[in-house]
Amino acid sequence: MNDSVYVGNAGKDAALDRGWLLGHFKDADDPRYSESVEIKWGVHPPGDERTRWVRGEERTALLVLVRGRFRVELPGRSVLLEREGDYVVWGRGVDHSWFAEEESVVLTVRWPSVPGYVAEAGTDTGARAGRTRRDSGPADGG
């Protein structure tokens, strides 16, 4: 087997790391390690929501609806993703929150992969915390 190849299942692998499949928080010798990009397979039950807005976002994000009905809240705008393949992109500095109107699966791609960018324990802010994801687990953003 080539050590630079990884074959997996997004649903199974995501369950091991709060949805995150790829990013700086994977071990450096893992093919899924990247300082350039983070990828998350998010499975959300109906009513699941980010209770506090992500503020001071340092990355650009792409969120693609795989299935379900998922609302992304942005400053002054609410975006409803309701058809497979609907997506939204937001840039650095754009605060956000989200709500799963139905059971939903979303694929999130964020870049760059920023070490130390985590949600504090007991909150859901995505604020800069000065710890690495390896120390505290990946943020539950997206």
C-alpha atoms as a PDB file:
ATOM      1  CA  MET A   1       0.000   0.000   0.000  1.00  0.00           C
ATOM      2  CA  ASN A   2       1.209   3.489  -0.813  1.00  0.00           C
ATOM      3  CA  ASP A   3       1.365   5.661   2.333  1.00  0.00           C
ATOM      4  CA  SER A   4       0.297   8.719   0.314  1.00  0.00           C
ATOM      5  CA  VAL A   5      -3.093   7.184  -0.497  1.00  0.00           C
ATOM      6  CA  TYR A   6      -6.072   6.955   1.841  1.00  0.00           C
ATOM      7  CA  VAL A   7      -9.370   5.300   0.943  1.00  0.00           C
ATOM      8  CA  GLY A   8     -12.302   5.763   3.283  1.00  0.00           C
ATOM      9  CA  ASN A   9     -15.971   6.480   3.715  1.00  0.00           C
ATOM     10  CA  ALA A  10     -17.010  10.049   4.525  1.00  0.00           C
ATOM     11  CA  GLY A  11     -19.841   8.964   6.823  1.00  0.00           C
ATOM     12  CA  LYS A  12     -17.691   6.578   8.841  1.00  0.00           C
ATOM     13  CA  ASP A  13     -14.538   8.716   8.926  1.00  0.00           C
ATOM     14  CA  ALA A  14     -16.455  11.892   9.768  1.00  0.00           C
ATOM     15  CA  ALA A  15     -17.855  10.256  12.890  1.00  0.00           C
ATOM     16  CA  LEU A  16     -14.295   9.879  14.208  1.00  0.00           C
ATOM     17  CA  ASP A  17     -13.349  13.573  14.063  1.00  0.00           C
ATOM     18  CA  ARG A  18     -16.535  15.669  14.466  1.00  0.00           C
ATOM     19  CA  GLY A  19     -17.117  15.570  10.716  1.00  0.00           C
ATOM     20  CA  TRP A  20     -13.664  16.677   9.587  1.00  0.00           C
ATOM     21  CA  LEU A  21     -12.044  14.576   6.875  1.00  0.00           C
ATOM     22  CA  LEU A  22      -9.053  16.694   5.898  1.00  0.00           C
ATOM     23  CA  GLY A  23      -7.037  19.568   7.352  1.00  0.00           C
ATOM     24  CA  HIS A  24      -4.065  20.651   9.439  1.00  0.00           C
ATOM     25  CA  PHE A  25      -5.431  18.765  12.477  1.00  0.00           C
ATOM     26  CA  LYS A  26      -4.698  15.332  10.971  1.00  0.00           C
ATOM     27  CA  ASP A  27      -1.317  13.747  11.691  1.00  0.00           C
ATOM     28  CA  ALA A  28       1.397  15.113   9.393  1.00  0.00           C
ATOM     29  CA  ASP A  29       2.095  11.654   7.943  1.00  0.00           C
ATOM     30  CA  ASP A  30      -1.607  11.109   7.099  1.00  0.00           C
ATOM     31  CA  PRO A  31      -2.524  11.793   3.428  1.00  0.00           C
ATOM     32  CA  ARG A  32      -5.500  13.773   4.784  1.00  0.00           C
ATOM     33  CA  TYR A  33      -3.197  16.331   6.408  1.00  0.00           C
ATOM     34  CA  SER A  34      -3.327  19.743   4.730  1.00  0.00           C
ATOM     35  CA  GLU A  35      -2.349  23.270   5.674  1.00  0.00           C
ATOM     36  CA  SER A  36      -4.186  24.583   2.625  1.00  0.00           C
ATOM     37  CA  VAL A  37      -7.737  23.295   3.019  1.00  0.00           C
ATOM     38  CA  GLU A  38     -10.208  21.691   5.460  1.00  0.00           C
ATOM     39  CA  ILE A  39     -13.073  19.417   4.404  1.00  0.00           C
ATOM     40  CA  LYS A  40     -16.022  18.382   6.557  1.00  0.00           C
ATOM     41  CA  TRP A  41     -18.844  15.889   5.989  1.00  0.00           C
ATOM     42  CA  GLY A  42     -21.557  17.291   8.244  1.00  0.00           C
ATOM     43  CA  VAL A  43     -24.559  15.166   9.193  1.00  0.00           C
ATOM     44  CA  HIS A  44     -27.192  17.249  10.999  1.00  0.00           C
ATOM     45  CA  PRO A  45     -30.472  16.057  12.541  1.00  0.00           C
ATOM     46  CA  PRO A  46     -33.552  18.262  12.101  1.00  0.00           C
ATOM     47  CA  GLY A  47     -33.322  21.328  14.312  1.00  0.00           C
ATOM     48  CA  ASP A  48     -29.547  21.117  14.733  1.00  0.00           C
ATOM     49  CA  GLU A  49     -28.129  24.618  14.830  1.00  0.00           C
ATOM     50  CA  ARG A  50     -25.049  26.672  15.552  1.00  0.00           C
ATOM     51  CA  THR A  51     -26.284  28.461  18.635  1.00  0.00           C
ATOM     52  CA  ARG A  52     -23.721  31.271  18.456  1.00  0.00           C
ATOM     53  CA  TRP A  53     -22.450  32.987  15.343  1.00  0.00           C
ATOM     54  CA  VAL A  54     -18.900  32.420  14.116  1.00  0.00           C
ATOM     55  CA  ARG A  55     -17.290  35.846  14.363  1.00  0.00           C
ATOM     56  CA  GLY A  56     -13.956  37.003  12.995  1.00  0.00           C
ATOM     57  CA  GLU A  57     -13.809  34.263  10.366  1.00  0.00           C
ATOM     58  CA  GLU A  58     -10.285  33.899   8.952  1.00  0.00           C
ATOM     59  CA  ARG A  59     -11.092  31.509   6.108  1.00  0.00           C
ATOM     60  CA  THR A  60     -13.104  31.356   2.924  1.00  0.00           C
ATOM     61  CA  ALA A  61     -15.803  28.661   2.985  1.00  0.00           C
ATOM     62  CA  LEU A  62     -17.877  26.679   0.509  1.00  0.00           C
ATOM     63  CA  LEU A  63     -20.868  24.756   1.849  1.00  0.00           C
ATOM     64  CA  VAL A  64     -22.625  22.292  -0.511  1.00  0.00           C
ATOM     65  CA  LEU A  65     -25.936  20.614   0.302  1.00  0.00           C
ATOM     66  CA  VAL A  66     -25.785  16.864  -0.341  1.00  0.00           C
ATOM     67  CA  ARG A  67     -29.327  16.237   0.933  1.00  0.00           C
ATOM     68  CA  GLY A  68     -31.879  17.798   3.225  1.00  0.00           C
ATOM     69  CA  ARG A  69     -32.812  21.429   3.835  1.00  0.00           C
ATOM     70  CA  PHE A  70     -30.170  23.641   5.443  1.00  0.00           C
ATOM     71  CA  ARG A  71     -30.205  27.355   6.205  1.00  0.00           C
ATOM     72  CA  VAL A  72     -27.038  29.455   6.417  1.00  0.00           C
ATOM     73  CA  GLU A  73     -27.349  32.783   8.202  1.00  0.00           C
ATOM     74  CA  LEU A  74     -25.040  35.573   7.033  1.00  0.00           C
ATOM     75  CA  PRO A  75     -25.044  39.239   8.041  1.00  0.00           C
ATOM     76  CA  GLY A  76     -28.209  40.732   6.565  1.00  0.00           C
ATOM     77  CA  ARG A  77     -28.994  37.597   4.578  1.00  0.00           C
ATOM     78  CA  SER A  78     -30.458  34.130   5.065  1.00  0.00           C
ATOM     79  CA  VAL A  79     -29.593  31.501   2.435  1.00  0.00           C
ATOM     80  CA  LEU A  80     -31.768  28.382   2.135  1.00  0.00           C
ATOM     81  CA  LEU A  81     -30.133  25.343   0.550  1.00  0.00           C
ATOM     82  CA  GLU A  82     -32.963  23.011  -0.446  1.00  0.00           C
ATOM     83  CA  ARG A  83     -31.958  21.158  -3.645  1.00  0.00           C
ATOM     84  CA  GLU A  84     -29.084  18.677  -3.875  1.00  0.00           C
ATOM     85  CA  GLY A  85     -26.054  20.605  -5.021  1.00  0.00           C
ATOM     86  CA  ASP A  86     -27.207  24.042  -3.793  1.00  0.00           C
ATOM     87  CA  TYR A  87     -24.230  25.847  -2.322  1.00  0.00           C
ATOM     88  CA  VAL A  88     -23.059  29.079  -0.769  1.00  0.00           C
ATOM     89  CA  VAL A  89     -19.588  30.620  -0.578  1.00  0.00           C
ATOM     90  CA  TRP A  90     -18.492  33.302   1.871  1.00  0.00           C
ATOM     91  CA  GLY A  91     -15.145  34.971   2.337  1.00  0.00           C
ATOM     92  CA  ARG A  92     -12.862  36.014   5.135  1.00  0.00           C
ATOM     93  CA  GLY A  93     -14.454  38.296   7.668  1.00  0.00           C
ATOM     94  CA  VAL A  94     -18.036  37.121   6.979  1.00  0.00           C
ATOM     95  CA  ASP A  95     -19.738  36.000  10.200  1.00  0.00           C
ATOM     96  CA  HIS A  96     -22.143  33.077   9.943  1.00  0.00           C
ATOM     97  CA  SER A  97     -24.475  30.658  11.665  1.00  0.00           C
ATOM     98  CA  TRP A  98     -26.647  27.790  10.414  1.00  0.00           C
ATOM     99  CA  PHE A  99     -29.779  25.718  11.059  1.00  0.00           C
ATOM    100  CA  ALA A 100     -30.823  22.279   9.743  1.00  0.00           C
ATOM    101  CA  GLU A 101     -34.501  22.604   8.790  1.00  0.00           C
ATOM    102  CA  GLU A 102     -34.554  18.872   7.947  1.00  0.00           C
ATOM    103  CA  GLU A 103     -32.068  16.075   8.443  1.00  0.00           C
ATOM    104  CA  SER A 104     -29.223  17.316   6.273  1.00  0.00           C
ATOM    105  CA  VAL A 105     -25.842  16.308   4.954  1.00  0.00           C
ATOM    106  CA  VAL A 106     -23.524  19.127   3.916  1.00  0.00           C
ATOM    107  CA  LEU A 107     -19.992  19.149   2.578  1.00  0.00           C
ATOM    108  CA  THR A 108     -17.931  22.086   3.815  1.00  0.00           C
ATOM    109  CA  VAL A 109     -14.634  23.158   2.299  1.00  0.00           C
ATOM    110  CA  ARG A 110     -12.653  25.893   4.071  1.00  0.00           C
ATOM    111  CA  TRP A 111      -9.338  27.445   3.190  1.00  0.00           C
ATOM    112  CA  PRO A 112      -6.745  27.912   4.438  1.00  0.00           C
ATOM    113  CA  SER A 113      -6.576  25.366   7.256  1.00  0.00           C
ATOM    114  CA  VAL A 114      -5.834  27.640  10.224  1.00  0.00           C
ATOM    115  CA  PRO A 115      -4.097  26.088  13.255  1.00  0.00           C
ATOM    116  CA  GLY A 116      -5.532  27.218  16.577  1.00  0.00           C
ATOM    117  CA  TYR A 117      -8.928  28.146  15.123  1.00  0.00           C
ATOM    118  CA  VAL A 118     -11.335  26.267  17.407  1.00  0.00           C
ATOM    119  CA  ALA A 119     -14.648  26.600  19.181  1.00  0.00           C
ATOM    120  CA  GLU A 120     -14.133  27.016  22.914  1.00  0.00           C
ATOM    121  CA  ALA A 121     -15.486  24.208  25.070  1.00  0.00           C
ATOM    122  CA  GLY A 122     -19.125  24.881  25.902  1.00  0.00           C
ATOM    123  CA  THR A 123     -19.513  27.497  23.174  1.00  0.00           C
ATOM    124  CA  ASP A 124     -20.007  27.421  19.461  1.00  0.00           C
ATOM    125  CA  THR A 125     -18.212  30.563  18.347  1.00  0.00           C
ATOM    126  CA  GLY A 126     -15.247  29.411  16.303  1.00  0.00           C
ATOM    127  CA  ALA A 127     -13.218  32.122  18.042  1.00  0.00           C
ATOM    128  CA  ARG A 128      -9.443  32.097  17.943  1.00  0.00           C
ATOM    129  CA  ALA A 129      -8.430  30.103  21.016  1.00  0.00           C
ATOM    130  CA  GLY A 130      -4.658  29.718  20.827  1.00  0.00           C
ATOM    131  CA  ARG A 131      -4.879  25.913  20.873  1.00  0.00           C
ATOM    132  CA  THR A 132      -4.555  23.518  17.999  1.00  0.00           C
ATOM    133  CA  ARG A 133      -7.346  21.228  16.907  1.00  0.00           C
ATOM    134  CA  ARG A 134      -5.140  18.289  17.817  1.00  0.00           C
ATOM    135  CA  ASP A 135      -5.257  19.590  21.423  1.00  0.00           C
ATOM    136  CA  SER A 136      -9.002  20.119  21.562  1.00  0.00           C
ATOM    137  CA  GLY A 137     -10.540  18.426  18.520  1.00  0.00           C
ATOM    138  CA  PRO A 138     -11.783  20.188  15.393  1.00  0.00           C
ATOM    139  CA  ALA A 139     -14.131  23.088  15.678  1.00  0.00           C
ATOM    140  CA  ASP A 140     -17.685  22.221  14.808  1.00  0.00           C
ATOM    141  CA  GLY A 141     -17.842  24.945  12.224  1.00  0.00           C
ATOM    142  CA  GLY A 142     -19.015  24.971   8.818  1.00  0.00           C
END
